[in-house]
Protein backbone atom coordinates (compact mmCIF):
# COMPACT_ATOMS: atom_id res chain seq x y z
CA MET A 1 0.00 0.00 0.00
CA SER A 2 1.51 3.29 -1.03
CA GLN A 3 0.93 6.72 0.52
CA SER A 4 0.17 9.68 -1.63
CA ALA A 5 2.59 12.63 -1.68
CA GLY A 6 0.07 14.74 0.29
CA GLN A 7 -0.05 12.26 3.16
CA ARG A 8 3.75 12.10 3.38
CA GLY A 9 3.92 15.92 3.45
CA ALA A 10 1.34 16.09 6.24
CA ALA A 11 3.43 13.70 8.37
CA LEU A 12 6.51 15.87 7.83
CA ILE A 13 4.59 18.99 8.93
CA GLU A 14 3.38 17.16 12.06
CA VAL A 15 6.97 16.23 12.93
CA LEU A 16 8.15 19.82 12.42
CA VAL A 17 5.32 21.23 14.56
CA ALA A 18 6.15 18.74 17.32
CA ALA A 19 9.84 19.75 17.15
CA VAL A 20 8.98 23.47 17.39
CA ILE A 21 6.72 22.81 20.40
CA PHE A 22 9.47 20.78 22.05
CA VAL A 23 12.02 23.56 21.51
CA LEU A 24 9.65 26.21 22.92
CA VAL A 25 8.88 24.15 26.03
CA THR A 26 12.60 23.46 26.55
CA LEU A 27 13.42 27.18 26.29
CA GLY A 28 10.67 28.02 28.78
CA LEU A 29 11.98 25.47 31.27
CA THR A 30 15.54 26.74 30.85
CA SER A 31 14.42 30.30 31.56
CA SER A 32 12.50 29.19 34.64
CA THR A 33 15.51 27.23 35.91
CA LEU A 34 17.81 30.22 35.48
CA ASN A 35 15.38 32.53 37.29
CA ALA A 36 15.06 30.05 40.15
CA LYS A 37 18.86 29.83 40.45
CA ARG A 38 19.18 33.62 40.49
CA SER A 39 16.54 33.87 43.19
CA ALA A 40 18.19 31.14 45.26
CA ASP A 41 21.59 32.84 44.93
CA GLY A 42 20.09 36.16 46.07
CA SER A 43 18.50 34.51 49.11
CA ARG A 44 21.73 32.70 49.98
CA HIS A 45 23.76 35.91 49.72
CA ALA A 46 21.25 37.78 51.91
CA ALA A 47 21.45 35.05 54.57
CA GLU A 48 25.26 35.02 54.44
CA ALA A 49 25.39 38.83 54.64
CA THR A 50 23.04 38.80 57.64
CA THR A 51 25.37 36.36 59.39
CA LEU A 52 28.39 38.57 58.66
CA ALA A 53 26.57 41.67 59.97
CA PHE A 54 25.43 39.85 63.12
CA ASP A 55 28.96 38.52 63.70
CA LYS A 56 30.34 42.07 63.54
CA LEU A 57 27.71 43.36 65.97
CA GLU A 58 28.59 40.56 68.39
CA GLN A 59 32.32 41.23 68.02
CA LEU A 60 31.79 44.95 68.70
CA ARG A 61 29.73 44.06 71.78
CA THR A 62 32.77 42.33 73.31
CA LEU A 63 35.05 45.36 72.86
CA ASP A 64 35.91 47.89 75.49
CA PRO A 65 33.90 51.11 74.87
CA SER A 66 37.17 53.00 74.37
CA ASP A 67 38.22 50.77 71.44
CA SER A 68 38.73 52.69 68.18
CA ALA A 69 36.23 50.42 66.40
CA LEU A 70 33.52 51.97 68.60
CA SER A 71 34.56 55.58 68.05
CA ALA A 72 31.92 57.79 66.46
CA GLY A 73 31.97 57.73 62.66
CA ALA A 74 32.19 55.33 59.73
CA HIS A 75 34.41 52.24 59.80
CA ALA A 76 35.29 49.57 57.23
CA ASP A 77 36.46 46.03 57.82
CA SER A 78 40.14 45.52 57.02
CA LEU A 79 39.33 42.20 55.29
CA ASN A 80 37.03 43.75 52.62
CA PRO A 81 36.00 42.25 50.29
CA MET A 82 35.43 39.14 52.39
CA THR A 83 34.04 35.64 52.13
CA VAL A 84 31.11 34.31 54.13
CA THR A 85 33.61 32.95 56.67
CA GLY A 86 35.01 36.43 57.29
CA THR A 87 38.30 35.92 55.47
CA SER A 88 39.51 38.22 52.71
CA GLY A 89 38.97 37.50 49.03
CA GLY A 90 35.18 37.22 48.76
CA ILE A 91 32.32 39.33 47.44
CA PHE A 92 31.03 40.92 50.67
CA THR A 93 31.92 44.40 51.93
CA ARG A 94 31.27 45.04 55.63
CA THR A 95 31.08 48.53 57.12
CA TRP A 96 29.65 50.01 60.29
CA THR A 97 28.75 53.47 61.52
CA VAL A 98 28.82 54.43 65.20
CA THR A 99 26.55 57.28 66.30
CA THR A 100 26.76 58.56 69.86
CA LEU A 101 23.26 59.16 71.19
CA THR A 102 22.85 62.41 73.07
CA SER A 103 19.33 62.11 74.45
CA VAL A 104 18.07 58.60 74.91
CA SER A 105 16.31 59.15 78.22
CA PRO A 106 16.65 61.46 81.22
CA ALA A 107 18.15 58.57 83.20
CA LEU A 108 21.21 58.32 80.89
CA THR A 109 23.95 60.89 80.57
CA ALA A 110 24.88 62.19 77.12
CA GLY A 111 27.17 59.80 75.29
CA ALA A 112 26.25 56.83 77.47
CA MET A 113 24.70 54.99 74.51
CA ALA A 114 25.78 54.48 70.91
CA ARG A 115 23.90 53.21 67.88
CA VAL A 116 25.88 50.94 65.56
CA ASP A 117 24.58 50.39 62.02
CA THR A 118 26.35 47.42 60.44
CA ARG A 119 25.98 47.09 56.67
CA VAL A 120 27.10 44.22 54.45
CA SER A 121 26.82 44.65 50.69
CA TRP A 122 27.60 42.47 47.68
CA PRO A 123 27.39 42.79 43.88
CA THR A 124 24.43 41.31 42.02
CA ASN A 125 23.51 41.04 38.34
CA GLY A 126 21.16 43.99 38.76
CA GLY A 127 23.44 46.24 40.86
CA ALA A 128 24.11 45.58 44.54
CA GLY A 129 22.42 43.85 47.43
CA SER A 130 22.80 44.86 51.06
CA VAL A 131 21.74 44.02 54.60
CA THR A 132 21.83 46.48 57.53
CA LEU A 133 21.54 45.48 61.18
CA VAL A 134 21.37 47.96 64.07
CA GLY A 135 22.66 47.49 67.59
CA TYR A 136 22.70 49.74 70.66
CA TYR A 137 25.63 49.69 73.07
CA LYS A 138 26.20 51.11 76.52
CA MET A 139 29.38 53.16 76.25
CA LEU A 140 30.14 53.83 79.92
């Protein structure tokens, strides 16, 4: 039994349509996978940056109030850019700003408290990401 030329052409068109649909679905899945990876990377970096900021706040808490790291003004970590473990050579930049509070409450003398804003930033595909944590320290 032989097929006519029209039937063979219809089968070829069906195969081509199926191939085009397969390619489109594959491209859609690839795009979704890349977006999911980007989102996961952003979440991971934010969690790592939060840990670095918290570690710095805890380290500053252990210092004597007269330590230069707690003097009023902006400070930068000497290991910048750093890795998630706090060693140099990574993507994270950690800075902190110490602000002496002058009027917290009538019970405290001026300069008895300081606000420390710790910021960790990192580059992203769309610019930069950052996390800022705030701590308050008794300075006397």
